[in-house]
Protein backbone atom coordinates (compact mmCIF):
# COMPACT_ATOMS: atom_id res chain seq x y z
CA MET A 1 -24.94 -106.56 -50.16
CA GLY A 2 -26.08 -106.77 -46.53
CA LYS A 3 -26.39 -110.54 -46.78
CA LEU A 4 -22.78 -110.84 -47.97
CA ILE A 5 -21.43 -108.75 -45.09
CA PHE A 6 -23.53 -110.75 -42.63
CA HIS A 7 -22.05 -114.03 -43.94
CA ILE A 8 -18.52 -112.62 -43.79
CA PHE A 9 -19.00 -111.60 -40.14
CA CYS A 10 -20.46 -115.02 -39.34
CA ALA A 11 -17.46 -116.73 -40.92
CA LEU A 12 -15.07 -114.50 -38.94
CA ALA A 13 -16.94 -115.22 -35.70
CA GLU A 14 -16.86 -118.97 -36.38
CA HIS A 15 -13.12 -118.82 -37.09
CA GLU A 16 -12.49 -116.84 -33.90
CA ARG A 17 -14.47 -119.37 -31.89
CA ASN A 18 -12.46 -122.25 -33.36
CA VAL A 19 -9.20 -120.48 -32.51
CA LEU A 20 -10.44 -119.93 -28.95
CA ILE A 21 -11.32 -123.63 -28.58
CA GLU A 22 -7.91 -124.69 -29.94
CA ARG A 23 -6.07 -122.40 -27.52
CA THR A 24 -8.15 -123.58 -24.57
CA ASN A 25 -7.54 -127.24 -25.37
CA ALA A 26 -3.82 -126.60 -25.87
CA GLY A 27 -3.64 -124.87 -22.48
CA LEU A 28 -5.49 -127.72 -20.75
CA LYS A 29 -3.21 -130.29 -22.40
CA SER A 30 -0.14 -128.30 -21.31
CA ALA A 31 -1.43 -128.06 -17.73
CA ARG A 32 -2.10 -131.81 -17.59
CA ALA A 33 1.43 -132.48 -18.87
CA ARG A 34 2.73 -130.39 -15.95
CA GLY A 35 0.67 -132.44 -13.51
CA LYS A 36 -2.06 -129.88 -12.91
CA ASN A 37 -5.61 -131.14 -12.72
CA GLY A 38 -8.43 -128.64 -13.06
CA GLY A 39 -11.75 -128.59 -11.34
CA ARG A 40 -13.06 -128.58 -7.84
CA PRO A 41 -11.28 -130.85 -5.35
CA GLU A 42 -13.29 -133.90 -4.36
CA GLY A 43 -14.36 -134.62 -0.80
CA MET A 44 -12.97 -133.23 2.41
CA THR A 45 -9.38 -132.51 3.30
CA ASP A 46 -7.43 -135.06 5.31
CA LYS A 47 -7.48 -132.75 8.34
CA TYR A 48 -11.27 -132.80 8.47
CA LYS A 49 -11.45 -136.54 7.77
CA GLU A 50 -9.25 -137.18 10.81
CA ILE A 51 -11.29 -135.05 13.20
CA ALA A 52 -14.71 -135.91 11.76
CA PRO A 53 -15.45 -138.76 14.24
CA LEU A 54 -14.50 -136.51 17.18
CA ILE A 55 -16.70 -133.68 15.93
CA LYS A 56 -19.60 -136.04 15.37
CA ALA A 57 -19.22 -137.52 18.85
CA SER A 58 -19.14 -134.04 20.38
CA TYR A 59 -22.24 -133.06 18.41
CA GLU A 60 -24.19 -136.19 19.35
CA SER A 61 -23.32 -135.92 23.04
CA LYS A 62 -25.11 -132.53 23.08
CA ASN A 63 -22.73 -131.23 25.77
CA GLY A 64 -22.07 -127.98 23.95
CA SER A 65 -23.42 -125.77 21.23
CA VAL A 66 -22.34 -125.95 17.62
CA GLU A 67 -20.35 -122.74 18.12
CA SER A 68 -18.43 -124.18 21.08
CA ILE A 69 -17.57 -127.32 19.12
CA MET A 70 -16.39 -125.15 16.24
CA LYS A 71 -14.18 -123.13 18.60
CA ALA A 72 -12.77 -126.29 20.16
CA PHE A 73 -11.76 -127.70 16.77
CA ASN A 74 -10.67 -124.31 15.40
CA PHE A 75 -12.82 -123.75 12.34
CA GLY A 76 -15.24 -120.93 11.74
CA SER A 77 -17.84 -122.06 9.26
CA LYS A 78 -21.15 -123.66 10.17
CA THR A 79 -21.33 -124.93 6.60
CA THR A 80 -18.08 -126.83 7.12
CA PHE A 81 -19.36 -128.16 10.43
CA TYR A 82 -22.51 -129.59 8.89
CA LYS A 83 -20.58 -130.94 5.90
CA ILE A 84 -18.39 -132.87 8.34
CA ILE A 85 -21.43 -134.21 10.21
CA ASN A 86 -23.17 -135.20 6.98
CA PHE A 87 -19.95 -136.67 5.55
CA GLU A 88 -19.71 -139.02 8.51
CA LEU A 89 -23.36 -140.00 8.10
CA GLY A 90 -22.86 -140.49 4.36
CA GLN A 91 -19.83 -142.72 4.94
CA GLN A 92 -21.84 -144.90 7.33
CA ARG A 93 -24.74 -145.18 4.89
CA PHE A 94 -22.32 -146.10 2.11
CA MET A 95 -20.70 -148.82 4.20
CA LEU A 96 -24.11 -150.20 5.19
CA SER A 97 -25.17 -150.30 1.55
CA LEU A 98 -21.96 -152.17 0.65
CA ASP A 99 -22.63 -154.67 3.44
CA TYR A 100 -26.14 -155.17 2.14
CA PHE A 101 -24.90 -155.60 -1.41
CA PHE A 102 -22.07 -158.04 -0.67
CA LEU A 103 -23.52 -159.97 2.26
CA SER A 104 -26.97 -160.66 0.89
């Protein structure tokens, strides 16, 4: 008798999981139809892309501290600051690798 009840509960759990998957997929399909795209945004915002060369130049000139550069460009996160610096370096490395690939 216990085996029968166990199998019934397993079947109910499997059915509930399938219903959950169907509802999730329907919701994602509906959101895509409305133009919504889920997930984390890629890359940096346009604001940071525009000021990235200026921030990098300020950082490399070593005229001020990281905090003073952050105040000058009006953002408060050191993580964002170093992402901008590394983004610029990553862009340069990417362009150099493309030059190597296409020019050699």
